[in-house]
Amino acid sequence: MTKIDVIGIKLEVTDQIQNKVESTFKKLIKKEGNGYNFSRVEVKIKTEKGNHIAECLAHVSGMPNIKAKADSDDMYKTISLLKDKVESQYDKFKVNLKGKDSIKNID
């Protein structure tokens, strides 16, 4: 089971935000059930000058850690943008790793 931590930096994490982060990242984790397992996802949220910022550090077995950052004028939108960035990086790593495996198999 993947552990999802939500940390508020000078900001209270409400149940709604906690649930949004968990549901958003659980969808990604279930979608990516193809050999690479997310062992832990840490999301830090904060606001600065009216801007909502979210940062993620995702630990994935067999891959480098994934770091991403997103911001917008709405926290829920920011969380969705953050998930999209994590997913994009995951896909890039996955393609690179599959390419390296194919090269090894040719030798």
N, C-alpha and C. Protein backbone atom coordinates (compact mmCIF):
# COMPACT_ATOMS: atom_id res chain seq x y z
N MET A 1 0.85 -1.19 0.00
CA MET A 1 0.00 0.00 0.00
C MET A 1 0.88 1.24 0.00
N THR A 2 0.58 2.14 -0.84
CA THR A 2 1.34 3.37 -0.95
C THR A 2 0.95 4.35 0.14
N LYS A 3 1.94 4.91 0.79
CA LYS A 3 1.69 5.91 1.82
C LYS A 3 1.66 7.28 1.16
N ILE A 4 0.62 8.04 1.41
CA ILE A 4 0.49 9.39 0.86
C ILE A 4 0.45 10.37 2.03
N ASP A 5 1.48 11.20 2.11
CA ASP A 5 1.57 12.21 3.17
C ASP A 5 1.26 13.58 2.59
N VAL A 6 0.43 14.34 3.29
CA VAL A 6 0.12 15.71 2.89
C VAL A 6 0.58 16.61 4.03
N ILE A 7 1.46 17.54 3.72
CA ILE A 7 2.05 18.41 4.73
C ILE A 7 1.73 19.86 4.36
N GLY A 8 1.16 20.58 5.30
CA GLY A 8 0.90 22.00 5.10
C GLY A 8 2.04 22.82 5.67
N ILE A 9 2.57 23.72 4.88
CA ILE A 9 3.63 24.61 5.33
C ILE A 9 2.98 25.95 5.66
N LYS A 10 2.92 26.24 6.96
CA LYS A 10 2.22 27.43 7.46
C LYS A 10 0.78 27.48 6.93
N LEU A 11 0.17 26.29 6.86
CA LEU A 11 -1.16 26.15 6.31
C LEU A 11 -1.79 24.89 6.90
N GLU A 12 -3.03 25.00 7.34
CA GLU A 12 -3.72 23.83 7.87
C GLU A 12 -4.22 22.97 6.71
N VAL A 13 -3.96 21.69 6.79
CA VAL A 13 -4.45 20.75 5.78
C VAL A 13 -5.85 20.32 6.20
N THR A 14 -6.83 20.77 5.47
CA THR A 14 -8.22 20.42 5.77
C THR A 14 -8.52 19.00 5.28
N ASP A 15 -9.59 18.44 5.77
CA ASP A 15 -10.00 17.11 5.32
C ASP A 15 -10.25 17.10 3.82
N GLN A 16 -10.83 18.18 3.30
CA GLN A 16 -11.13 18.26 1.87
C GLN A 16 -9.85 18.22 1.04
N ILE A 17 -8.83 18.96 1.47
CA ILE A 17 -7.56 18.96 0.73
C ILE A 17 -6.88 17.60 0.86
N GLN A 18 -6.88 17.03 2.05
CA GLN A 18 -6.31 15.70 2.26
C GLN A 18 -6.98 14.68 1.34
N ASN A 19 -8.30 14.72 1.29
CA ASN A 19 -9.05 13.79 0.44
C ASN A 19 -8.76 14.02 -1.05
N LYS A 20 -8.65 15.27 -1.46
CA LYS A 20 -8.35 15.59 -2.86
C LYS A 20 -6.99 15.03 -3.26
N VAL A 21 -5.98 15.25 -2.43
CA VAL A 21 -4.63 14.74 -2.73
C VAL A 21 -4.66 13.22 -2.80
N GLU A 22 -5.25 12.59 -1.80
CA GLU A 22 -5.28 11.13 -1.76
C GLU A 22 -6.02 10.54 -2.96
N SER A 23 -7.19 11.07 -3.27
CA SER A 23 -7.96 10.52 -4.39
C SER A 23 -7.25 10.76 -5.72
N THR A 24 -6.64 11.91 -5.89
CA THR A 24 -5.94 12.24 -7.13
C THR A 24 -4.75 11.32 -7.34
N PHE A 25 -3.95 11.14 -6.31
CA PHE A 25 -2.75 10.33 -6.46
C PHE A 25 -3.05 8.84 -6.44
N LYS A 26 -4.13 8.42 -5.79
CA LYS A 26 -4.51 7.00 -5.83
C LYS A 26 -4.90 6.60 -7.25
N LYS A 27 -5.55 7.49 -7.98
CA LYS A 27 -5.89 7.22 -9.38
C LYS A 27 -4.63 7.00 -10.20
N LEU A 28 -3.64 7.83 -9.98
CA LEU A 28 -2.36 7.70 -10.71
C LEU A 28 -1.68 6.39 -10.33
N ILE A 29 -1.65 6.08 -9.05
CA ILE A 29 -0.97 4.87 -8.57
C ILE A 29 -1.63 3.62 -9.14
N LYS A 30 -2.96 3.59 -9.17
CA LYS A 30 -3.67 2.44 -9.72
C LYS A 30 -3.42 2.32 -11.22
N LYS A 31 -3.40 3.45 -11.91
CA LYS A 31 -3.20 3.47 -13.35
C LYS A 31 -1.83 2.91 -13.71
N GLU A 32 -0.84 3.20 -12.88
CA GLU A 32 0.53 2.83 -13.19
C GLU A 32 0.94 1.49 -12.60
N GLY A 33 0.00 0.61 -12.35
CA GLY A 33 0.31 -0.69 -11.77
C GLY A 33 0.95 -1.63 -12.77
N ASN A 34 2.14 -1.29 -13.24
CA ASN A 34 2.79 -2.09 -14.29
C ASN A 34 4.23 -2.44 -13.93
N GLY A 35 4.47 -2.78 -12.69
CA GLY A 35 5.80 -3.20 -12.31
C GLY A 35 6.57 -2.19 -11.48
N TYR A 36 6.27 -0.92 -11.65
CA TYR A 36 6.93 0.11 -10.85
C TYR A 36 5.95 0.53 -9.77
N ASN A 37 6.36 0.39 -8.54
CA ASN A 37 5.44 0.66 -7.43
C ASN A 37 5.79 1.95 -6.73
N PHE A 38 4.81 2.81 -6.59
CA PHE A 38 4.97 3.99 -5.77
C PHE A 38 4.99 3.52 -4.32
N SER A 39 6.09 3.72 -3.62
CA SER A 39 6.14 3.29 -2.23
C SER A 39 5.69 4.39 -1.29
N ARG A 40 5.92 5.64 -1.69
CA ARG A 40 5.52 6.76 -0.84
C ARG A 40 5.39 8.01 -1.70
N VAL A 41 4.38 8.80 -1.40
CA VAL A 41 4.17 10.08 -2.08
C VAL A 41 4.03 11.14 -0.99
N GLU A 42 4.87 12.15 -1.06
CA GLU A 42 4.82 13.25 -0.09
C GLU A 42 4.46 14.54 -0.83
N VAL A 43 3.38 15.16 -0.41
CA VAL A 43 2.92 16.40 -1.03
C VAL A 43 2.95 17.51 0.01
N LYS A 44 3.67 18.58 -0.32
CA LYS A 44 3.72 19.76 0.56
C LYS A 44 2.93 20.87 -0.11
N ILE A 45 2.07 21.51 0.69
CA ILE A 45 1.26 22.60 0.14
C ILE A 45 1.49 23.87 0.94
N LYS A 46 1.39 25.00 0.25
CA LYS A 46 1.54 26.29 0.91
C LYS A 46 0.92 27.37 0.03
N THR A 47 0.77 28.55 0.61
CA THR A 47 0.33 29.71 -0.17
C THR A 47 1.35 30.82 0.01
N GLU A 48 1.59 31.54 -1.08
CA GLU A 48 2.48 32.69 -1.06
C GLU A 48 1.87 33.77 -1.93
N LYS A 49 1.62 34.91 -1.33
CA LYS A 49 1.08 36.06 -2.06
C LYS A 49 -0.16 35.69 -2.88
N GLY A 50 -1.06 34.90 -2.27
CA GLY A 50 -2.30 34.53 -2.94
C GLY A 50 -2.15 33.41 -3.95
N ASN A 51 -0.95 32.89 -4.11
CA ASN A 51 -0.71 31.81 -5.05
C ASN A 51 -0.61 30.49 -4.29
N HIS A 52 -1.30 29.46 -4.75
CA HIS A 52 -1.28 28.15 -4.11
C HIS A 52 -0.19 27.30 -4.75
N ILE A 53 0.69 26.75 -3.93
CA ILE A 53 1.84 26.00 -4.41
C ILE A 53 1.82 24.60 -3.81
N ALA A 54 2.11 23.61 -4.63
CA ALA A 54 2.20 22.23 -4.16
C ALA A 54 3.47 21.61 -4.74
N GLU A 55 4.18 20.89 -3.88
CA GLU A 55 5.40 20.20 -4.30
C GLU A 55 5.24 18.72 -3.96
N CYS A 56 5.80 17.87 -4.79
CA CYS A 56 5.67 16.44 -4.58
C CYS A 56 7.02 15.76 -4.67
N LEU A 57 7.23 14.81 -3.80
CA LEU A 57 8.37 13.90 -3.88
C LEU A 57 7.77 12.50 -3.86
N ALA A 58 7.89 11.80 -4.98
CA ALA A 58 7.33 10.45 -5.10
C ALA A 58 8.47 9.43 -5.15
N HIS A 59 8.40 8.47 -4.27
CA HIS A 59 9.38 7.39 -4.23
C HIS A 59 8.81 6.22 -5.02
N VAL A 60 9.54 5.79 -6.04
CA VAL A 60 9.08 4.71 -6.90
C VAL A 60 10.17 3.65 -6.96
N SER A 61 9.80 2.40 -6.67
CA SER A 61 10.82 1.34 -6.70
C SER A 61 11.31 1.13 -8.13
N GLY A 62 12.62 0.98 -8.27
CA GLY A 62 13.21 0.74 -9.57
C GLY A 62 13.41 1.98 -10.42
N MET A 63 13.14 3.15 -9.86
CA MET A 63 13.27 4.40 -10.62
C MET A 63 13.84 5.48 -9.71
N PRO A 64 14.37 6.55 -10.31
CA PRO A 64 14.76 7.70 -9.48
C PRO A 64 13.51 8.33 -8.85
N ASN A 65 13.71 9.01 -7.72
CA ASN A 65 12.59 9.74 -7.11
C ASN A 65 12.08 10.79 -8.09
N ILE A 66 10.80 11.02 -8.04
CA ILE A 66 10.17 12.01 -8.92
C ILE A 66 9.86 13.25 -8.09
N LYS A 67 10.34 14.40 -8.56
CA LYS A 67 10.06 15.68 -7.90
C LYS A 67 9.29 16.55 -8.88
N ALA A 68 8.27 17.21 -8.34
CA ALA A 68 7.47 18.10 -9.19
C ALA A 68 6.93 19.24 -8.34
N LYS A 69 6.62 20.34 -9.02
CA LYS A 69 6.08 21.52 -8.35
C LYS A 69 5.05 22.15 -9.28
N ALA A 70 3.95 22.61 -8.69
CA ALA A 70 2.90 23.27 -9.47
C ALA A 70 2.32 24.42 -8.66
N ASP A 71 1.77 25.40 -9.36
CA ASP A 71 1.11 26.50 -8.67
C ASP A 71 -0.01 27.06 -9.53
N SER A 72 -0.99 27.63 -8.86
CA SER A 72 -2.10 28.29 -9.54
C SER A 72 -2.84 29.14 -8.50
N ASP A 73 -3.94 29.73 -8.92
CA ASP A 73 -4.72 30.57 -8.01
C ASP A 73 -5.74 29.77 -7.20
N ASP A 74 -5.78 28.42 -7.41
CA ASP A 74 -6.74 27.56 -6.71
C ASP A 74 -6.02 26.28 -6.26
N MET A 75 -6.17 25.92 -4.99
CA MET A 75 -5.43 24.77 -4.45
C MET A 75 -5.84 23.46 -5.13
N TYR A 76 -7.12 23.28 -5.41
CA TYR A 76 -7.56 22.05 -6.05
C TYR A 76 -7.00 21.92 -7.46
N LYS A 77 -6.98 23.02 -8.17
CA LYS A 77 -6.39 23.04 -9.51
C LYS A 77 -4.89 22.75 -9.43
N THR A 78 -4.23 23.31 -8.42
CA THR A 78 -2.80 23.09 -8.22
C THR A 78 -2.50 21.61 -8.00
N ILE A 79 -3.32 20.95 -7.20
CA ILE A 79 -3.13 19.52 -6.93
C ILE A 79 -3.27 18.70 -8.21
N SER A 80 -4.24 19.04 -9.04
CA SER A 80 -4.41 18.35 -10.33
C SER A 80 -3.23 18.59 -11.25
N LEU A 81 -2.76 19.83 -11.30
CA LEU A 81 -1.58 20.15 -12.12
C LEU A 81 -0.35 19.38 -11.63
N LEU A 82 -0.21 19.28 -10.32
CA LEU A 82 0.91 18.55 -9.74
C LEU A 82 0.87 17.07 -10.14
N LYS A 83 -0.30 16.47 -10.07
CA LYS A 83 -0.44 15.07 -10.47
C LYS A 83 -0.07 14.89 -11.93
N ASP A 84 -0.46 15.83 -12.79
CA ASP A 84 -0.12 15.75 -14.21
C ASP A 84 1.39 15.81 -14.42
N LYS A 85 2.08 16.64 -13.65
CA LYS A 85 3.54 16.75 -13.78
C LYS A 85 4.23 15.48 -13.29
N VAL A 86 3.75 14.92 -12.19
CA VAL A 86 4.32 13.66 -11.68
C VAL A 86 4.11 12.55 -12.72
N GLU A 87 2.92 12.49 -13.27
CA GLU A 87 2.60 11.47 -14.27
C GLU A 87 3.49 11.62 -15.50
N SER A 88 3.71 12.84 -15.95
CA SER A 88 4.56 13.11 -17.10
C SER A 88 5.99 12.65 -16.85
N GLN A 89 6.52 12.98 -15.68
CA GLN A 89 7.89 12.56 -15.35
C GLN A 89 7.97 11.04 -15.24
N TYR A 90 6.96 10.44 -14.64
CA TYR A 90 6.92 8.98 -14.51
C TYR A 90 6.98 8.34 -15.90
N ASP A 91 6.17 8.86 -16.83
CA ASP A 91 6.14 8.31 -18.19
C ASP A 91 7.50 8.45 -18.87
N LYS A 92 8.17 9.58 -18.68
CA LYS A 92 9.50 9.78 -19.27
C LYS A 92 10.50 8.78 -18.71
N PHE A 93 10.51 8.61 -17.40
CA PHE A 93 11.42 7.64 -16.78
C PHE A 93 11.13 6.23 -17.28
N LYS A 94 9.84 5.91 -17.37
CA LYS A 94 9.43 4.57 -17.79
C LYS A 94 9.91 4.27 -19.21
N VAL A 95 9.76 5.23 -20.10
CA VAL A 95 10.21 5.07 -21.49
C VAL A 95 11.72 4.90 -21.53
N ASN A 96 12.43 5.73 -20.77
CA ASN A 96 13.89 5.63 -20.74
C ASN A 96 14.35 4.29 -20.20
N LEU A 97 13.71 3.80 -19.16
CA LEU A 97 14.09 2.51 -18.58
C LEU A 97 13.77 1.37 -19.53
N LYS A 98 12.63 1.42 -20.21
CA LYS A 98 12.28 0.36 -21.16
C LYS A 98 13.27 0.37 -22.32
N GLY A 99 13.68 1.55 -22.75
CA GLY A 99 14.65 1.66 -23.83
C GLY A 99 15.98 1.04 -23.44
N LYS A 100 16.42 1.27 -22.23
CA LYS A 100 17.68 0.71 -21.75
C LYS A 100 17.57 -0.80 -21.63
N ASP A 101 16.41 -1.32 -21.18
CA ASP A 101 16.22 -2.76 -21.08
C ASP A 101 16.28 -3.40 -22.46
N SER A 102 15.71 -2.75 -23.47
CA SER A 102 15.71 -3.29 -24.83
C SER A 102 17.13 -3.37 -25.36
N ILE A 103 17.94 -2.35 -25.08
CA ILE A 103 19.32 -2.34 -25.55
C ILE A 103 20.10 -3.47 -24.89
N LYS A 104 19.89 -3.69 -23.60
CA LYS A 104 20.57 -4.77 -22.90
C LYS A 104 20.19 -6.12 -23.47
N ASN A 105 18.94 -6.30 -23.84
CA ASN A 105 18.48 -7.59 -24.35
C ASN A 105 19.05 -7.89 -25.74
N ILE A 106 19.40 -6.88 -26.50
CA ILE A 106 19.95 -7.08 -27.83
C ILE A 106 21.37 -7.66 -27.75
N ASP A 107 22.12 -7.24 -26.75
CA ASP A 107 23.53 -7.68 -26.62
C ASP A 107 23.67 -9.12 -26.39
